[in-house]
Amino acid sequence: MVQFRSFSRSKKFFEMFGEAARNVHQGAKALEQMLHDFRGSADQWRAVEEYEHEGDKITHRIIQTLHRSGMTPGDREDIHKLAATLDDVLDLIEGAAFRMAMYKVERPTPEALRLAAIIVHCTEQIVLGVSGLPDAARIQPPCIEINRLENEADEISRAAIAALFTGNVAPLDVIKWKEIYETMETATDRGEDVANLLEQIVLKRS
């Protein structure tokens, strides 16, 4: 097991990161549920937004705890980056849900459903990666899977956007769905950033 100096002695940070990661995953599942039971109503978006608000609270607690800690500069930077990037993932998940409600799309596309499923799987792997943070051997498998999922989401998003411009799609729908697809794909980009941070934290202390 990797020794994390002062980082490893602060179990409270591992616990808060675990809480943040699980909340991100719940937000992703709420987005997927919204798409499967799509009614186009604001209350469905609000269900996702609640997780985003909870994520902000968790991030605030992490930063507050960090300011009161005696962490080394390197450890403080790692904690801050990881907290912020987890928050970014959830912001984008909520952003996708908000756009669907705001733009009043009629129904989710098959591509949006596929992207939502990938986001759920990606955030599930984030939970596994964060929970394995003290142990380098437990981090690598979920990080590899997150990278694969990001590549898959990228391919789906590119193909979906290309189809918007080659099919018989109304101009306003092109604008709406292009932004929604890009927001969902960027959520997996930030998920990959989380994976990269986890690997960097381990490598710096190995």
N, C-alpha and C. Protein backbone atom coordinates (compact mmCIF):
# COMPACT_ATOMS: atom_id res chain seq x y z
N MET A 1 0.86 -1.21 0.00
CA MET A 1 0.00 0.00 0.00
C MET A 1 0.88 1.24 0.00
N VAL A 2 0.48 2.22 -0.79
CA VAL A 2 1.22 3.46 -0.86
C VAL A 2 1.06 4.27 0.42
N GLN A 3 2.15 4.83 0.87
CA GLN A 3 2.09 5.71 2.04
C GLN A 3 1.86 7.15 1.57
N PHE A 4 0.86 7.81 2.07
CA PHE A 4 0.48 9.12 1.59
C PHE A 4 0.89 10.24 2.53
N ARG A 5 1.89 10.02 3.36
CA ARG A 5 2.33 11.04 4.31
C ARG A 5 1.13 11.61 5.05
N SER A 6 1.05 12.94 5.12
CA SER A 6 -0.05 13.55 5.87
C SER A 6 -1.38 13.26 5.21
N PHE A 7 -1.39 13.05 3.90
CA PHE A 7 -2.63 12.75 3.18
C PHE A 7 -3.24 11.46 3.69
N SER A 8 -2.40 10.47 3.94
CA SER A 8 -2.90 9.17 4.39
C SER A 8 -3.40 9.23 5.82
N ARG A 9 -2.89 10.16 6.59
CA ARG A 9 -3.29 10.23 7.99
C ARG A 9 -4.62 10.97 8.17
N SER A 10 -5.12 11.57 7.10
CA SER A 10 -6.37 12.33 7.20
C SER A 10 -7.51 11.51 6.62
N LYS A 11 -7.96 10.57 7.41
CA LYS A 11 -9.03 9.68 6.96
C LYS A 11 -10.29 10.45 6.59
N LYS A 12 -10.50 11.58 7.24
CA LYS A 12 -11.71 12.36 6.95
C LYS A 12 -11.79 12.79 5.50
N PHE A 13 -10.64 13.03 4.86
CA PHE A 13 -10.66 13.42 3.45
C PHE A 13 -11.10 12.25 2.57
N PHE A 14 -10.59 11.06 2.86
CA PHE A 14 -11.01 9.89 2.10
C PHE A 14 -12.52 9.69 2.24
N GLU A 15 -13.02 9.89 3.44
CA GLU A 15 -14.46 9.71 3.67
C GLU A 15 -15.27 10.74 2.90
N MET A 16 -14.81 11.99 2.90
CA MET A 16 -15.54 13.04 2.19
C MET A 16 -15.46 12.85 0.67
N PHE A 17 -14.31 12.39 0.19
CA PHE A 17 -14.20 12.11 -1.24
C PHE A 17 -15.13 10.97 -1.64
N GLY A 18 -15.23 9.96 -0.77
CA GLY A 18 -16.15 8.87 -1.02
C GLY A 18 -17.58 9.37 -1.08
N GLU A 19 -17.93 10.26 -0.17
CA GLU A 19 -19.28 10.84 -0.16
C GLU A 19 -19.52 11.64 -1.43
N ALA A 20 -18.54 12.42 -1.85
CA ALA A 20 -18.67 13.22 -3.07
C ALA A 20 -18.83 12.34 -4.29
N ALA A 21 -18.03 11.29 -4.39
CA ALA A 21 -18.10 10.39 -5.54
C ALA A 21 -19.45 9.68 -5.61
N ARG A 22 -19.95 9.22 -4.47
CA ARG A 22 -21.26 8.55 -4.46
C ARG A 22 -22.37 9.52 -4.86
N ASN A 23 -22.25 10.77 -4.45
CA ASN A 23 -23.25 11.76 -4.81
C ASN A 23 -23.23 12.04 -6.32
N VAL A 24 -22.03 12.08 -6.90
CA VAL A 24 -21.91 12.25 -8.35
C VAL A 24 -22.60 11.09 -9.07
N HIS A 25 -22.37 9.88 -8.57
CA HIS A 25 -22.98 8.69 -9.17
C HIS A 25 -24.51 8.74 -9.07
N GLN A 26 -25.01 9.19 -7.94
CA GLN A 26 -26.47 9.30 -7.78
C GLN A 26 -27.03 10.35 -8.74
N GLY A 27 -26.30 11.43 -8.94
CA GLY A 27 -26.74 12.44 -9.89
C GLY A 27 -26.78 11.89 -11.31
N ALA A 28 -25.79 11.06 -11.65
CA ALA A 28 -25.77 10.44 -12.98
C ALA A 28 -26.96 9.50 -13.15
N LYS A 29 -27.28 8.75 -12.12
CA LYS A 29 -28.43 7.85 -12.20
C LYS A 29 -29.74 8.62 -12.31
N ALA A 30 -29.80 9.77 -11.65
CA ALA A 30 -31.00 10.61 -11.75
C ALA A 30 -31.16 11.15 -13.18
N LEU A 31 -30.05 11.50 -13.82
CA LEU A 31 -30.10 11.94 -15.22
C LEU A 31 -30.61 10.82 -16.11
N GLU A 32 -30.06 9.63 -15.92
CA GLU A 32 -30.49 8.49 -16.74
C GLU A 32 -31.97 8.19 -16.52
N GLN A 33 -32.41 8.25 -15.26
CA GLN A 33 -33.82 8.02 -14.97
C GLN A 33 -34.69 9.09 -15.62
N MET A 34 -34.23 10.32 -15.62
CA MET A 34 -34.96 11.41 -16.27
C MET A 34 -35.17 11.10 -17.75
N LEU A 35 -34.15 10.56 -18.41
CA LEU A 35 -34.26 10.26 -19.83
C LEU A 35 -35.17 9.07 -20.10
N HIS A 36 -35.12 8.07 -19.23
CA HIS A 36 -35.95 6.87 -19.43
C HIS A 36 -37.42 7.16 -19.15
N ASP A 37 -37.69 8.12 -18.27
CA ASP A 37 -39.07 8.46 -17.92
C ASP A 37 -39.32 9.92 -18.29
N PHE A 38 -38.93 10.28 -19.51
CA PHE A 38 -38.89 11.69 -19.88
C PHE A 38 -40.28 12.29 -20.04
N ARG A 39 -40.49 13.38 -19.31
CA ARG A 39 -41.75 14.12 -19.42
C ARG A 39 -41.51 15.57 -19.83
N GLY A 40 -40.25 15.97 -19.86
CA GLY A 40 -39.93 17.34 -20.25
C GLY A 40 -40.32 18.38 -19.23
N SER A 41 -40.49 17.96 -17.99
CA SER A 41 -40.94 18.88 -16.94
C SER A 41 -39.75 19.34 -16.09
N ALA A 42 -39.90 20.51 -15.51
CA ALA A 42 -38.83 21.09 -14.70
C ALA A 42 -38.54 20.26 -13.46
N ASP A 43 -39.56 19.56 -12.94
CA ASP A 43 -39.33 18.79 -11.71
C ASP A 43 -38.35 17.65 -11.94
N GLN A 44 -38.27 17.13 -13.17
CA GLN A 44 -37.29 16.08 -13.45
C GLN A 44 -35.87 16.65 -13.41
N TRP A 45 -35.69 17.83 -13.98
CA TRP A 45 -34.38 18.47 -13.89
C TRP A 45 -34.04 18.79 -12.45
N ARG A 46 -35.02 19.25 -11.67
CA ARG A 46 -34.77 19.60 -10.27
C ARG A 46 -34.27 18.40 -9.48
N ALA A 47 -34.73 17.21 -9.84
CA ALA A 47 -34.27 16.00 -9.14
C ALA A 47 -32.77 15.81 -9.32
N VAL A 48 -32.26 16.15 -10.51
CA VAL A 48 -30.82 16.09 -10.76
C VAL A 48 -30.11 17.25 -10.06
N GLU A 49 -30.74 18.41 -10.10
CA GLU A 49 -30.15 19.61 -9.51
C GLU A 49 -29.91 19.43 -8.00
N GLU A 50 -30.77 18.68 -7.34
CA GLU A 50 -30.61 18.46 -5.90
C GLU A 50 -29.26 17.81 -5.59
N TYR A 51 -28.84 16.89 -6.44
CA TYR A 51 -27.54 16.26 -6.24
C TYR A 51 -26.41 17.24 -6.49
N GLU A 52 -26.60 18.14 -7.45
CA GLU A 52 -25.59 19.15 -7.73
C GLU A 52 -25.43 20.09 -6.53
N HIS A 53 -26.55 20.47 -5.90
CA HIS A 53 -26.49 21.32 -4.71
C HIS A 53 -25.79 20.59 -3.56
N GLU A 54 -26.10 19.30 -3.41
CA GLU A 54 -25.45 18.51 -2.35
C GLU A 54 -23.95 18.40 -2.63
N GLY A 55 -23.60 18.27 -3.90
CA GLY A 55 -22.18 18.21 -4.26
C GLY A 55 -21.46 19.49 -3.89
N ASP A 56 -22.11 20.63 -4.09
CA ASP A 56 -21.50 21.91 -3.71
C ASP A 56 -21.24 21.96 -2.20
N LYS A 57 -22.18 21.43 -1.43
CA LYS A 57 -22.02 21.42 0.03
C LYS A 57 -20.83 20.53 0.44
N ILE A 58 -20.73 19.38 -0.19
CA ILE A 58 -19.63 18.47 0.14
C ILE A 58 -18.29 19.10 -0.23
N THR A 59 -18.24 19.71 -1.41
CA THR A 59 -17.00 20.37 -1.84
C THR A 59 -16.62 21.48 -0.87
N HIS A 60 -17.61 22.23 -0.42
CA HIS A 60 -17.36 23.32 0.53
C HIS A 60 -16.79 22.76 1.83
N ARG A 61 -17.33 21.63 2.30
CA ARG A 61 -16.82 21.02 3.53
C ARG A 61 -15.38 20.55 3.36
N ILE A 62 -15.08 19.99 2.19
CA ILE A 62 -13.71 19.52 1.94
C ILE A 62 -12.74 20.71 1.97
N ILE A 63 -13.11 21.80 1.30
CA ILE A 63 -12.22 22.97 1.25
C ILE A 63 -12.06 23.60 2.63
N GLN A 64 -13.15 23.67 3.38
CA GLN A 64 -13.07 24.22 4.73
C GLN A 64 -12.14 23.38 5.60
N THR A 65 -12.30 22.07 5.52
CA THR A 65 -11.45 21.16 6.30
C THR A 65 -10.00 21.30 5.86
N LEU A 66 -9.79 21.47 4.57
CA LEU A 66 -8.44 21.62 4.04
C LEU A 66 -7.77 22.87 4.59
N HIS A 67 -8.51 23.96 4.67
CA HIS A 67 -7.94 25.21 5.16
C HIS A 67 -7.52 25.12 6.64
N ARG A 68 -8.21 24.24 7.38
CA ARG A 68 -7.89 24.09 8.81
C ARG A 68 -6.82 23.03 9.06
N SER A 69 -6.42 22.34 8.00
CA SER A 69 -5.48 21.23 8.17
C SER A 69 -4.03 21.71 8.11
N GLY A 70 -3.15 20.83 8.50
CA GLY A 70 -1.73 21.13 8.42
C GLY A 70 -1.08 20.40 7.26
N MET A 71 -1.80 20.26 6.16
CA MET A 71 -1.31 19.52 5.00
C MET A 71 -0.10 20.21 4.38
N THR A 72 0.74 19.40 3.72
CA THR A 72 1.83 19.95 2.93
C THR A 72 1.24 20.61 1.69
N PRO A 73 1.96 21.56 1.06
CA PRO A 73 1.43 22.22 -0.14
C PRO A 73 1.03 21.24 -1.24
N GLY A 74 1.84 20.19 -1.44
CA GLY A 74 1.52 19.21 -2.48
C GLY A 74 0.23 18.48 -2.20
N ASP A 75 0.05 18.06 -0.96
CA ASP A 75 -1.17 17.35 -0.59
C ASP A 75 -2.39 18.27 -0.68
N ARG A 76 -2.22 19.51 -0.27
CA ARG A 76 -3.33 20.48 -0.35
C ARG A 76 -3.77 20.67 -1.80
N GLU A 77 -2.80 20.77 -2.69
CA GLU A 77 -3.12 20.96 -4.11
C GLU A 77 -3.88 19.75 -4.66
N ASP A 78 -3.43 18.55 -4.30
CA ASP A 78 -4.09 17.33 -4.78
C ASP A 78 -5.54 17.25 -4.30
N ILE A 79 -5.73 17.56 -3.02
CA ILE A 79 -7.08 17.50 -2.46
C ILE A 79 -7.99 18.53 -3.12
N HIS A 80 -7.48 19.73 -3.30
CA HIS A 80 -8.28 20.79 -3.91
C HIS A 80 -8.66 20.42 -5.34
N LYS A 81 -7.71 19.94 -6.12
CA LYS A 81 -7.97 19.57 -7.52
C LYS A 81 -8.98 18.44 -7.62
N LEU A 82 -8.83 17.43 -6.77
CA LEU A 82 -9.74 16.29 -6.84
C LEU A 82 -11.16 16.71 -6.46
N ALA A 83 -11.29 17.53 -5.41
CA ALA A 83 -12.61 18.00 -5.01
C ALA A 83 -13.26 18.82 -6.12
N ALA A 84 -12.49 19.71 -6.73
CA ALA A 84 -13.03 20.57 -7.78
C ALA A 84 -13.42 19.78 -9.02
N THR A 85 -12.64 18.77 -9.37
CA THR A 85 -12.93 18.01 -10.58
C THR A 85 -14.14 17.10 -10.38
N LEU A 86 -14.29 16.52 -9.21
CA LEU A 86 -15.50 15.75 -8.92
C LEU A 86 -16.73 16.65 -9.04
N ASP A 87 -16.60 17.87 -8.54
CA ASP A 87 -17.70 18.83 -8.62
C ASP A 87 -18.00 19.19 -10.07
N ASP A 88 -16.96 19.29 -10.89
CA ASP A 88 -17.15 19.60 -12.32
C ASP A 88 -17.98 18.52 -13.02
N VAL A 89 -17.71 17.25 -12.70
CA VAL A 89 -18.46 16.16 -13.32
C VAL A 89 -19.95 16.33 -13.05
N LEU A 90 -20.28 16.59 -11.80
CA LEU A 90 -21.68 16.73 -11.42
C LEU A 90 -22.31 18.00 -12.01
N ASP A 91 -21.55 19.07 -12.09
CA ASP A 91 -22.05 20.29 -12.72
C ASP A 91 -22.48 20.02 -14.16
N LEU A 92 -21.70 19.23 -14.88
CA LEU A 92 -22.00 18.93 -16.27
C LEU A 92 -23.19 17.98 -16.40
N ILE A 93 -23.31 17.05 -15.48
CA ILE A 93 -24.47 16.16 -15.46
C ILE A 93 -25.74 16.98 -15.27
N GLU A 94 -25.70 17.88 -14.29
CA GLU A 94 -26.85 18.75 -14.05
C GLU A 94 -27.08 19.68 -15.25
N GLY A 95 -26.00 20.11 -15.87
CA GLY A 95 -26.11 20.99 -17.03
C GLY A 95 -26.83 20.32 -18.19
N ALA A 96 -26.57 19.04 -18.40
CA ALA A 96 -27.25 18.30 -19.47
C ALA A 96 -28.75 18.20 -19.16
N ALA A 97 -29.08 17.88 -17.92
CA ALA A 97 -30.49 17.78 -17.53
C ALA A 97 -31.19 19.13 -17.68
N PHE A 98 -30.51 20.19 -17.25
CA PHE A 98 -31.08 21.54 -17.35
C PHE A 98 -31.36 21.92 -18.80
N ARG A 99 -30.42 21.63 -19.68
CA ARG A 99 -30.59 21.99 -21.09
C ARG A 99 -31.78 21.26 -21.71
N MET A 100 -31.96 20.00 -21.36
CA MET A 100 -33.10 19.27 -21.91
C MET A 100 -34.43 19.89 -21.45
N ALA A 101 -34.47 20.32 -20.19
CA ALA A 101 -35.68 20.96 -19.69
C ALA A 101 -35.85 22.36 -20.27
N MET A 102 -34.76 23.13 -20.29
CA MET A 102 -34.82 24.51 -20.78
C MET A 102 -35.17 24.56 -22.26
N TYR A 103 -34.59 23.65 -23.06
CA TYR A 103 -34.81 23.66 -24.50
C TYR A 103 -36.11 22.95 -24.89
N LYS A 104 -36.76 22.34 -23.90
CA LYS A 104 -38.04 21.67 -24.14
C LYS A 104 -37.96 20.66 -25.28
N VAL A 105 -36.96 19.80 -25.20
CA VAL A 105 -36.85 18.75 -26.22
C VAL A 105 -38.05 17.81 -26.10
N GLU A 106 -38.47 17.26 -27.22
CA GLU A 106 -39.67 16.41 -27.20
C GLU A 106 -39.41 15.07 -26.53
N ARG A 107 -38.27 14.49 -26.84
CA ARG A 107 -37.93 13.18 -26.27
C ARG A 107 -36.41 12.98 -26.38
N PRO A 108 -35.83 12.19 -25.51
CA PRO A 108 -34.40 11.93 -25.62
C PRO A 108 -34.09 11.07 -26.84
N THR A 109 -32.97 11.32 -27.45
CA THR A 109 -32.55 10.53 -28.60
C THR A 109 -31.88 9.24 -28.13
N PRO A 110 -31.77 8.23 -29.00
CA PRO A 110 -31.04 7.01 -28.62
C PRO A 110 -29.60 7.31 -28.21
N GLU A 111 -28.98 8.28 -28.88
CA GLU A 111 -27.60 8.66 -28.54
C GLU A 111 -27.51 9.27 -27.15
N ALA A 112 -28.50 10.08 -26.78
CA ALA A 112 -28.51 10.67 -25.45
C ALA A 112 -28.66 9.59 -24.38
N LEU A 113 -29.49 8.61 -24.66
CA LEU A 113 -29.67 7.50 -23.72
C LEU A 113 -28.37 6.71 -23.57
N ARG A 114 -27.68 6.51 -24.67
CA ARG A 114 -26.39 5.78 -24.60
C ARG A 114 -25.36 6.58 -23.81
N LEU A 115 -25.32 7.88 -24.05
CA LEU A 115 -24.38 8.72 -23.31
C LEU A 115 -24.71 8.75 -21.82
N ALA A 116 -26.00 8.79 -21.49
CA ALA A 116 -26.39 8.79 -20.08
C ALA A 116 -25.95 7.49 -19.40
N ALA A 117 -26.10 6.37 -20.11
CA ALA A 117 -25.68 5.07 -19.55
C ALA A 117 -24.17 5.04 -19.34
N ILE A 118 -23.43 5.62 -20.27
CA ILE A 118 -21.97 5.67 -20.13
C ILE A 118 -21.58 6.53 -18.93
N ILE A 119 -22.27 7.65 -18.76
CA ILE A 119 -21.98 8.53 -17.62
C ILE A 119 -22.23 7.79 -16.30
N VAL A 120 -23.31 7.01 -16.24
CA VAL A 120 -23.59 6.23 -15.03
C VAL A 120 -22.46 5.24 -14.77
N HIS A 121 -22.04 4.55 -15.81
CA HIS A 121 -20.95 3.58 -15.66
C HIS A 121 -19.65 4.27 -15.27
N CYS A 122 -19.39 5.42 -15.89
CA CYS A 122 -18.18 6.18 -15.58
C CYS A 122 -18.15 6.61 -14.12
N THR A 123 -19.27 7.13 -13.63
CA THR A 123 -19.31 7.59 -12.24
C THR A 123 -19.26 6.41 -11.26
N GLU A 124 -19.75 5.27 -11.69
CA GLU A 124 -19.62 4.07 -10.85
C GLU A 124 -18.15 3.71 -10.69
N GLN A 125 -17.40 3.83 -11.78
CA GLN A 125 -15.96 3.57 -11.72
C GLN A 125 -15.23 4.62 -10.90
N ILE A 126 -15.72 5.86 -10.94
CA ILE A 126 -15.14 6.91 -10.09
C ILE A 126 -15.29 6.55 -8.62
N VAL A 127 -16.47 6.03 -8.25
CA VAL A 127 -16.68 5.60 -6.86
C VAL A 127 -15.67 4.52 -6.49
N LEU A 128 -15.46 3.57 -7.38
CA LEU A 128 -14.50 2.49 -7.11
C LEU A 128 -13.08 3.04 -6.99
N GLY A 129 -12.74 3.98 -7.88
CA GLY A 129 -11.39 4.55 -7.85
C GLY A 129 -11.13 5.35 -6.60
N VAL A 130 -12.09 6.18 -6.21
CA VAL A 130 -11.93 6.99 -5.01
C VAL A 130 -11.88 6.10 -3.77
N SER A 131 -12.71 5.07 -3.72
CA SER A 131 -12.71 4.19 -2.55
C SER A 131 -11.40 3.40 -2.45
N GLY A 132 -10.70 3.23 -3.57
CA GLY A 132 -9.43 2.52 -3.55
C GLY A 132 -8.23 3.43 -3.45
N LEU A 133 -8.45 4.73 -3.20
CA LEU A 133 -7.38 5.71 -3.25
C LEU A 133 -6.14 5.39 -2.41
N PRO A 134 -6.26 4.80 -1.22
CA PRO A 134 -5.02 4.49 -0.50
C PRO A 134 -4.21 3.35 -1.13
N ASP A 135 -4.81 2.60 -2.04
CA ASP A 135 -4.18 1.38 -2.57
C ASP A 135 -4.02 1.51 -4.08
N ALA A 136 -2.78 1.61 -4.54
CA ALA A 136 -2.52 1.80 -5.97
C ALA A 136 -3.09 0.68 -6.82
N ALA A 137 -3.05 -0.54 -6.32
CA ALA A 137 -3.52 -1.69 -7.09
C ALA A 137 -5.02 -1.63 -7.35
N ARG A 138 -5.75 -0.99 -6.45
CA ARG A 138 -7.21 -0.89 -6.61
C ARG A 138 -7.62 0.27 -7.49
N ILE A 139 -6.73 1.21 -7.71
CA ILE A 139 -7.07 2.40 -8.49
C ILE A 139 -6.99 2.14 -9.99
N GLN A 140 -6.00 1.37 -10.41
CA GLN A 140 -5.73 1.24 -11.84
C GLN A 140 -6.90 0.67 -12.66
N PRO A 141 -7.54 -0.44 -12.23
CA PRO A 141 -8.63 -0.98 -13.07
C PRO A 141 -9.76 0.00 -13.35
N PRO A 142 -10.32 0.70 -12.34
CA PRO A 142 -11.37 1.66 -12.66
C PRO A 142 -10.87 2.83 -13.51
N CYS A 143 -9.63 3.25 -13.32
CA CYS A 143 -9.10 4.34 -14.12
C CYS A 143 -8.99 3.95 -15.59
N ILE A 144 -8.57 2.72 -15.84
CA ILE A 144 -8.49 2.22 -17.21
C ILE A 144 -9.88 2.16 -17.84
N GLU A 145 -10.87 1.72 -17.06
CA GLU A 145 -12.23 1.63 -17.57
C GLU A 145 -12.81 3.01 -17.84
N ILE A 146 -12.51 3.98 -16.99
CA ILE A 146 -12.98 5.35 -17.21
C ILE A 146 -12.42 5.89 -18.51
N ASN A 147 -11.16 5.62 -18.78
CA ASN A 147 -10.55 6.05 -20.04
C ASN A 147 -11.24 5.42 -21.24
N ARG A 148 -11.57 4.14 -21.15
CA ARG A 148 -12.27 3.46 -22.24
C ARG A 148 -13.66 4.07 -22.45
N LEU A 149 -14.35 4.35 -21.36
CA LEU A 149 -15.69 4.93 -21.45
C LEU A 149 -15.66 6.33 -22.06
N GLU A 150 -14.64 7.10 -21.72
CA GLU A 150 -14.52 8.45 -22.30
C GLU A 150 -14.34 8.35 -23.80
N ASN A 151 -13.53 7.41 -24.25
CA ASN A 151 -13.34 7.21 -25.70
C ASN A 151 -14.65 6.81 -26.38
N GLU A 152 -15.40 5.93 -25.74
CA GLU A 152 -16.68 5.50 -26.29
C GLU A 152 -17.66 6.67 -26.37
N ALA A 153 -17.72 7.47 -25.31
CA ALA A 153 -18.61 8.63 -25.31
C ALA A 153 -18.22 9.62 -26.39
N ASP A 154 -16.93 9.79 -26.60
CA ASP A 154 -16.44 10.70 -27.63
C ASP A 154 -16.90 10.24 -29.01
N GLU A 155 -16.80 8.95 -29.28
CA GLU A 155 -17.22 8.41 -30.57
C GLU A 155 -18.72 8.58 -30.79
N ILE A 156 -19.51 8.30 -29.76
CA ILE A 156 -20.97 8.44 -29.86
C ILE A 156 -21.35 9.89 -30.09
N SER A 157 -20.73 10.79 -29.34
CA SER A 157 -21.05 12.21 -29.46
C SER A 157 -20.69 12.74 -30.84
N ARG A 158 -19.53 12.39 -31.35
CA ARG A 158 -19.12 12.86 -32.67
C ARG A 158 -20.07 12.36 -33.75
N ALA A 159 -20.42 11.09 -33.68
CA ALA A 159 -21.33 10.53 -34.68
C ALA A 159 -22.71 11.17 -34.58
N ALA A 160 -23.17 11.41 -33.35
CA ALA A 160 -24.49 12.02 -33.15
C ALA A 160 -24.53 13.44 -33.68
N ILE A 161 -23.47 14.20 -33.43
CA ILE A 161 -23.42 15.58 -33.92
C ILE A 161 -23.32 15.61 -35.45
N ALA A 162 -22.52 14.71 -36.00
CA ALA A 162 -22.42 14.65 -37.47
C ALA A 162 -23.78 14.34 -38.09
N ALA A 163 -24.55 13.45 -37.46
CA ALA A 163 -25.86 13.08 -37.99
C ALA A 163 -26.83 14.25 -37.96
N LEU A 164 -26.66 15.14 -37.00
CA LEU A 164 -27.53 16.32 -36.93
C LEU A 164 -27.42 17.17 -38.19
N PHE A 165 -26.22 17.21 -38.76
CA PHE A 165 -25.98 18.08 -39.92
C PHE A 165 -26.19 17.37 -41.26
N THR A 166 -26.38 16.06 -41.21
CA THR A 166 -26.58 15.32 -42.46
C THR A 166 -28.01 14.80 -42.60
N GLY A 167 -28.74 14.79 -41.50
CA GLY A 167 -30.11 14.30 -41.55
C GLY A 167 -31.11 15.43 -41.74
N ASN A 168 -32.37 15.07 -41.73
CA ASN A 168 -33.45 16.06 -41.90
C ASN A 168 -33.87 16.56 -40.52
N VAL A 169 -33.00 17.37 -39.92
CA VAL A 169 -33.21 17.86 -38.56
C VAL A 169 -33.44 19.36 -38.61
N ALA A 170 -34.46 19.81 -37.89
CA ALA A 170 -34.77 21.24 -37.84
C ALA A 170 -33.58 22.01 -37.27
N PRO A 171 -33.29 23.20 -37.80
CA PRO A 171 -32.13 23.98 -37.34
C PRO A 171 -32.09 24.20 -35.83
N LEU A 172 -33.23 24.50 -35.22
CA LEU A 172 -33.23 24.70 -33.78
C LEU A 172 -32.89 23.42 -33.03
N ASP A 173 -33.35 22.28 -33.53
CA ASP A 173 -33.02 21.01 -32.89
C ASP A 173 -31.54 20.68 -33.02
N VAL A 174 -30.95 21.09 -34.14
CA VAL A 174 -29.50 20.91 -34.32
C VAL A 174 -28.75 21.65 -33.21
N ILE A 175 -29.14 22.89 -32.98
CA ILE A 175 -28.48 23.71 -31.97
C ILE A 175 -28.67 23.10 -30.57
N LYS A 176 -29.91 22.71 -30.27
CA LYS A 176 -30.21 22.13 -28.95
C LYS A 176 -29.39 20.87 -28.70
N TRP A 177 -29.50 19.92 -29.62
CA TRP A 177 -28.89 18.61 -29.37
C TRP A 177 -27.37 18.65 -29.46
N LYS A 178 -26.84 19.52 -30.30
CA LYS A 178 -25.37 19.64 -30.35
C LYS A 178 -24.85 20.05 -28.98
N GLU A 179 -25.49 21.02 -28.35
CA GLU A 179 -25.03 21.48 -27.03
C GLU A 179 -25.24 20.40 -25.97
N ILE A 180 -26.36 19.69 -26.04
CA ILE A 180 -26.62 18.64 -25.05
C ILE A 180 -25.60 17.51 -25.18
N TYR A 181 -25.34 17.07 -26.42
CA TYR A 181 -24.35 16.01 -26.63
C TYR A 181 -22.97 16.44 -26.13
N GLU A 182 -22.60 17.66 -26.44
CA GLU A 182 -21.28 18.15 -26.02
C GLU A 182 -21.18 18.23 -24.50
N THR A 183 -22.25 18.63 -23.84
CA THR A 183 -22.25 18.71 -22.38
C THR A 183 -22.11 17.32 -21.77
N MET A 184 -22.83 16.36 -22.30
CA MET A 184 -22.76 15.00 -21.77
C MET A 184 -21.38 14.39 -22.01
N GLU A 185 -20.82 14.63 -23.20
CA GLU A 185 -19.50 14.08 -23.48
C GLU A 185 -18.44 14.72 -22.60
N THR A 186 -18.59 16.02 -22.35
CA THR A 186 -17.63 16.71 -21.49
C THR A 186 -17.68 16.19 -20.06
N ALA A 187 -18.83 15.71 -19.63
CA ALA A 187 -18.93 15.09 -18.30
C ALA A 187 -18.00 13.88 -18.22
N THR A 188 -17.91 13.11 -19.30
CA THR A 188 -16.99 11.96 -19.29
C THR A 188 -15.54 12.43 -19.39
N ASP A 189 -15.31 13.56 -20.06
CA ASP A 189 -13.95 14.13 -20.08
C ASP A 189 -13.48 14.46 -18.66
N ARG A 190 -14.38 15.10 -17.90
CA ARG A 190 -14.01 15.44 -16.52
C ARG A 190 -13.87 14.17 -15.68
N GLY A 191 -14.65 13.14 -16.01
CA GLY A 191 -14.47 11.86 -15.32
C GLY A 191 -13.09 11.30 -15.56
N GLU A 192 -12.62 11.44 -16.79
CA GLU A 192 -11.25 11.00 -17.11
C GLU A 192 -10.23 11.86 -16.35
N ASP A 193 -10.52 13.14 -16.17
CA ASP A 193 -9.64 13.99 -15.38
C ASP A 193 -9.54 13.49 -13.94
N VAL A 194 -10.67 13.03 -13.38
CA VAL A 194 -10.66 12.45 -12.04
C VAL A 194 -9.73 11.24 -12.01
N ALA A 195 -9.87 10.38 -13.01
CA ALA A 195 -9.02 9.18 -13.07
C ALA A 195 -7.54 9.57 -13.15
N ASN A 196 -7.24 10.56 -13.97
CA ASN A 196 -5.85 11.01 -14.10
C ASN A 196 -5.31 11.55 -12.78
N LEU A 197 -6.14 12.28 -12.06
CA LEU A 197 -5.72 12.82 -10.76
C LEU A 197 -5.46 11.71 -9.76
N LEU A 198 -6.32 10.71 -9.74
CA LEU A 198 -6.11 9.58 -8.83
C LEU A 198 -4.78 8.89 -9.12
N GLU A 199 -4.50 8.69 -10.40
CA GLU A 199 -3.23 8.04 -10.77
C GLU A 199 -2.04 8.92 -10.42
N GLN A 200 -2.18 10.22 -10.62
CA GLN A 200 -1.08 11.13 -10.27
C GLN A 200 -0.80 11.15 -8.79
N ILE A 201 -1.86 11.13 -7.99
CA ILE A 201 -1.69 11.13 -6.54
C ILE A 201 -0.90 9.90 -6.10
N VAL A 202 -1.24 8.76 -6.68
CA VAL A 202 -0.53 7.52 -6.34
C VAL A 202 0.91 7.57 -6.81
N LEU A 203 1.14 7.99 -8.05
CA LEU A 203 2.49 8.01 -8.61
C LEU A 203 3.41 8.97 -7.85
N LYS A 204 2.88 10.10 -7.41
CA LYS A 204 3.69 11.08 -6.70
C LYS A 204 4.13 10.57 -5.34
N ARG A 205 3.42 9.57 -4.82
CA ARG A 205 3.73 9.09 -3.47
C ARG A 205 4.16 7.63 -3.45
N SER A 206 4.49 7.11 -4.61
CA SER A 206 4.94 5.71 -4.68
C SER A 206 6.43 5.60 -4.44
